Amino acid sequence: MKKCRSCGAEVIWAKTDSGAMAPFDAAESPEGTFSLEEMSPPTAHYVLADERQWRGPLHRSHFATCPDAKAWKKAK
């Protein structure tokens, strides 16, 4: 399990539908919007609200929960 370099929380790095690697909270959350599939690397799929009841465990983007997320945001 990896840890966030800013806050120390456990995270899972997964490839998003767009192909980018992103951190997700390792802990499941009823407020989560991502389903993680165990692949190599793990794959994250965005889950719509009406799909949540059948997709299994959900996770939140760590950018939504990390107190230091703004420090990691890339300039446009």
N, C-alpha and C. Protein backbone atom coordinates (compact mmCIF):
# COMPACT_ATOMS: atom_id res chain seq x y z
N MET A 1 0.85 -1.17 0.00
CA MET A 1 0.00 0.00 0.00
C MET A 1 0.90 1.24 0.00
N LYS A 2 0.57 2.19 -0.82
CA LYS A 2 1.33 3.45 -0.89
C LYS A 2 0.73 4.46 0.07
N LYS A 3 1.52 5.46 0.43
CA LYS A 3 1.05 6.54 1.30
C LYS A 3 1.21 7.87 0.58
N CYS A 4 0.27 8.78 0.82
CA CYS A 4 0.34 10.12 0.27
C CYS A 4 1.58 10.80 0.84
N ARG A 5 2.36 11.44 -0.02
CA ARG A 5 3.58 12.11 0.42
C ARG A 5 3.29 13.37 1.23
N SER A 6 2.07 13.88 1.15
CA SER A 6 1.73 15.09 1.90
C SER A 6 1.10 14.79 3.26
N CYS A 7 0.05 13.97 3.25
CA CYS A 7 -0.70 13.76 4.50
C CYS A 7 -0.50 12.39 5.12
N GLY A 8 0.14 11.45 4.42
CA GLY A 8 0.43 10.13 4.97
C GLY A 8 -0.71 9.13 4.87
N ALA A 9 -1.85 9.52 4.27
CA ALA A 9 -2.98 8.60 4.14
C ALA A 9 -2.64 7.48 3.16
N GLU A 10 -3.23 6.30 3.38
CA GLU A 10 -3.01 5.18 2.46
C GLU A 10 -3.80 5.44 1.18
N VAL A 11 -3.12 5.27 0.04
CA VAL A 11 -3.75 5.50 -1.26
C VAL A 11 -3.47 4.33 -2.20
N ILE A 12 -4.33 4.22 -3.18
CA ILE A 12 -4.15 3.25 -4.26
C ILE A 12 -4.00 4.07 -5.54
N TRP A 13 -2.92 3.86 -6.26
CA TRP A 13 -2.74 4.52 -7.54
C TRP A 13 -3.41 3.66 -8.60
N ALA A 14 -4.25 4.29 -9.43
CA ALA A 14 -4.97 3.55 -10.46
C ALA A 14 -5.06 4.37 -11.73
N LYS A 15 -5.18 3.68 -12.84
CA LYS A 15 -5.32 4.34 -14.14
C LYS A 15 -6.80 4.69 -14.33
N THR A 16 -7.07 5.95 -14.66
CA THR A 16 -8.44 6.41 -14.88
C THR A 16 -8.91 6.05 -16.29
N ASP A 17 -10.19 6.27 -16.56
CA ASP A 17 -10.74 6.01 -17.89
C ASP A 17 -10.01 6.82 -18.96
N SER A 18 -9.46 7.98 -18.58
CA SER A 18 -8.74 8.81 -19.55
C SER A 18 -7.30 8.34 -19.75
N GLY A 19 -6.85 7.37 -18.97
CA GLY A 19 -5.50 6.83 -19.10
C GLY A 19 -4.49 7.44 -18.15
N ALA A 20 -4.89 8.44 -17.35
CA ALA A 20 -3.98 9.07 -16.40
C ALA A 20 -3.92 8.26 -15.11
N MET A 21 -2.77 8.28 -14.44
CA MET A 21 -2.65 7.65 -13.13
C MET A 21 -3.08 8.67 -12.07
N ALA A 22 -3.88 8.22 -11.11
CA ALA A 22 -4.38 9.13 -10.08
C ALA A 22 -4.48 8.38 -8.75
N PRO A 23 -4.35 9.11 -7.62
CA PRO A 23 -4.46 8.48 -6.30
C PRO A 23 -5.91 8.42 -5.83
N PHE A 24 -6.26 7.31 -5.19
CA PHE A 24 -7.59 7.12 -4.62
C PHE A 24 -7.42 6.67 -3.17
N ASP A 25 -8.33 7.11 -2.31
CA ASP A 25 -8.28 6.68 -0.91
C ASP A 25 -8.39 5.16 -0.86
N ALA A 26 -7.52 4.52 -0.09
CA ALA A 26 -7.56 3.06 0.03
C ALA A 26 -8.82 2.60 0.75
N ALA A 27 -9.30 3.41 1.68
CA ALA A 27 -10.51 3.05 2.42
C ALA A 27 -11.73 3.21 1.54
N GLU A 28 -12.65 2.26 1.63
CA GLU A 28 -13.92 2.36 0.91
C GLU A 28 -14.75 3.48 1.52
N SER A 29 -15.62 4.09 0.72
CA SER A 29 -16.44 5.19 1.20
C SER A 29 -17.83 5.14 0.58
N PRO A 30 -18.87 5.31 1.39
CA PRO A 30 -20.22 5.37 0.82
C PRO A 30 -20.40 6.61 -0.06
N GLU A 31 -19.50 7.59 0.09
CA GLU A 31 -19.54 8.80 -0.73
C GLU A 31 -18.66 8.67 -1.97
N GLY A 32 -18.06 7.51 -2.16
CA GLY A 32 -17.15 7.30 -3.28
C GLY A 32 -17.84 7.38 -4.62
N THR A 33 -17.06 7.74 -5.63
CA THR A 33 -17.58 7.82 -6.99
C THR A 33 -16.72 7.02 -7.97
N PHE A 34 -15.81 6.20 -7.44
CA PHE A 34 -14.95 5.40 -8.30
C PHE A 34 -14.95 3.94 -7.87
N SER A 35 -15.01 3.06 -8.84
CA SER A 35 -14.89 1.62 -8.64
C SER A 35 -13.48 1.25 -9.09
N LEU A 36 -12.74 0.52 -8.28
CA LEU A 36 -11.37 0.14 -8.63
C LEU A 36 -11.32 -1.34 -8.99
N GLU A 37 -10.74 -1.64 -10.12
CA GLU A 37 -10.56 -3.03 -10.55
C GLU A 37 -9.11 -3.42 -10.34
N GLU A 38 -8.90 -4.61 -9.79
CA GLU A 38 -7.52 -5.07 -9.56
C GLU A 38 -6.96 -5.61 -10.86
N MET A 39 -6.10 -4.79 -11.43
CA MET A 39 -5.38 -5.16 -12.64
C MET A 39 -3.94 -4.73 -12.39
N SER A 40 -3.12 -4.73 -13.39
CA SER A 40 -1.76 -4.26 -13.21
C SER A 40 -1.48 -3.17 -14.24
N PRO A 41 -1.53 -1.90 -13.92
CA PRO A 41 -1.90 -1.31 -12.62
C PRO A 41 -3.41 -1.36 -12.43
N PRO A 42 -3.89 -1.09 -11.18
CA PRO A 42 -5.34 -1.05 -10.98
C PRO A 42 -5.98 -0.03 -11.91
N THR A 43 -7.24 -0.26 -12.23
CA THR A 43 -8.00 0.64 -13.11
C THR A 43 -9.16 1.23 -12.34
N ALA A 44 -9.37 2.55 -12.47
CA ALA A 44 -10.46 3.25 -11.79
C ALA A 44 -11.53 3.63 -12.81
N HIS A 45 -12.77 3.36 -12.48
CA HIS A 45 -13.89 3.72 -13.34
C HIS A 45 -14.82 4.63 -12.57
N TYR A 46 -15.18 5.76 -13.18
CA TYR A 46 -16.13 6.68 -12.56
C TYR A 46 -17.49 6.01 -12.53
N VAL A 47 -18.16 6.07 -11.39
CA VAL A 47 -19.46 5.44 -11.21
C VAL A 47 -20.53 6.51 -11.05
N LEU A 48 -21.56 6.45 -11.87
CA LEU A 48 -22.67 7.39 -11.76
C LEU A 48 -23.51 7.06 -10.54
N ALA A 49 -24.19 8.03 -10.00
CA ALA A 49 -24.97 7.85 -8.77
C ALA A 49 -25.96 6.70 -8.89
N ASP A 50 -26.64 6.54 -10.03
CA ASP A 50 -27.64 5.47 -10.15
C ASP A 50 -27.02 4.09 -10.34
N GLU A 51 -25.70 4.00 -10.52
CA GLU A 51 -25.02 2.71 -10.65
C GLU A 51 -24.43 2.23 -9.34
N ARG A 52 -24.41 3.06 -8.32
CA ARG A 52 -23.69 2.74 -7.09
C ARG A 52 -24.18 1.47 -6.40
N GLN A 53 -25.47 1.14 -6.47
CA GLN A 53 -25.97 0.00 -5.71
C GLN A 53 -25.41 -1.34 -6.20
N TRP A 54 -24.93 -1.45 -7.44
CA TRP A 54 -24.49 -2.75 -7.94
C TRP A 54 -23.03 -2.83 -8.30
N ARG A 55 -22.27 -1.80 -8.13
CA ARG A 55 -20.87 -1.81 -8.55
C ARG A 55 -19.90 -2.33 -7.50
N GLY A 56 -20.33 -2.53 -6.28
CA GLY A 56 -19.39 -3.00 -5.26
C GLY A 56 -18.75 -1.86 -4.51
N PRO A 57 -17.58 -2.10 -3.88
CA PRO A 57 -16.93 -1.07 -3.08
C PRO A 57 -16.59 0.17 -3.90
N LEU A 58 -16.79 1.32 -3.29
CA LEU A 58 -16.48 2.58 -3.95
C LEU A 58 -15.40 3.33 -3.19
N HIS A 59 -14.61 4.10 -3.92
CA HIS A 59 -13.50 4.86 -3.34
C HIS A 59 -13.59 6.31 -3.79
N ARG A 60 -13.00 7.19 -2.99
CA ARG A 60 -12.97 8.61 -3.33
C ARG A 60 -11.60 8.95 -3.92
N SER A 61 -11.61 9.93 -4.81
CA SER A 61 -10.35 10.45 -5.31
C SER A 61 -9.61 11.06 -4.12
N HIS A 62 -8.32 10.80 -4.00
CA HIS A 62 -7.59 11.37 -2.88
C HIS A 62 -7.46 12.88 -3.02
N PHE A 63 -7.57 13.40 -4.23
CA PHE A 63 -7.56 14.84 -4.42
C PHE A 63 -8.76 15.50 -3.73
N ALA A 64 -9.84 14.75 -3.53
CA ALA A 64 -11.03 15.29 -2.87
C ALA A 64 -10.91 15.27 -1.34
N THR A 65 -9.99 14.48 -0.81
CA THR A 65 -9.90 14.33 0.64
C THR A 65 -8.58 14.80 1.25
N CYS A 66 -7.55 14.94 0.45
CA CYS A 66 -6.23 15.33 0.97
C CYS A 66 -6.22 16.82 1.35
N PRO A 67 -5.80 17.13 2.57
CA PRO A 67 -5.75 18.54 2.97
C PRO A 67 -4.71 19.35 2.19
N ASP A 68 -3.78 18.68 1.51
CA ASP A 68 -2.74 19.36 0.74
C ASP A 68 -2.94 19.23 -0.77
N ALA A 69 -4.12 18.88 -1.21
CA ALA A 69 -4.37 18.62 -2.63
C ALA A 69 -4.00 19.81 -3.52
N LYS A 70 -4.27 21.02 -3.06
CA LYS A 70 -3.98 22.20 -3.89
C LYS A 70 -2.50 22.32 -4.23
N ALA A 71 -1.64 21.85 -3.35
CA ALA A 71 -0.20 21.93 -3.58
C ALA A 71 0.23 21.04 -4.75
N TRP A 72 -0.58 20.02 -5.08
CA TRP A 72 -0.23 19.08 -6.15
C TRP A 72 -0.90 19.43 -7.47
N LYS A 73 -1.78 20.42 -7.47
CA LYS A 73 -2.49 20.77 -8.70
C LYS A 73 -1.52 21.37 -9.71
N LYS A 74 -1.58 20.89 -10.93
CA LYS A 74 -0.70 21.38 -11.98
C LYS A 74 -1.23 22.70 -12.53
N ALA A 75 -0.32 23.61 -12.81
CA ALA A 75 -0.71 24.90 -13.40
C ALA A 75 -1.15 24.69 -14.84
N LYS A 76 -2.15 25.45 -15.26
CA LYS A 76 -2.65 25.35 -16.65
C LYS A 76 -1.98 26.38 -17.51
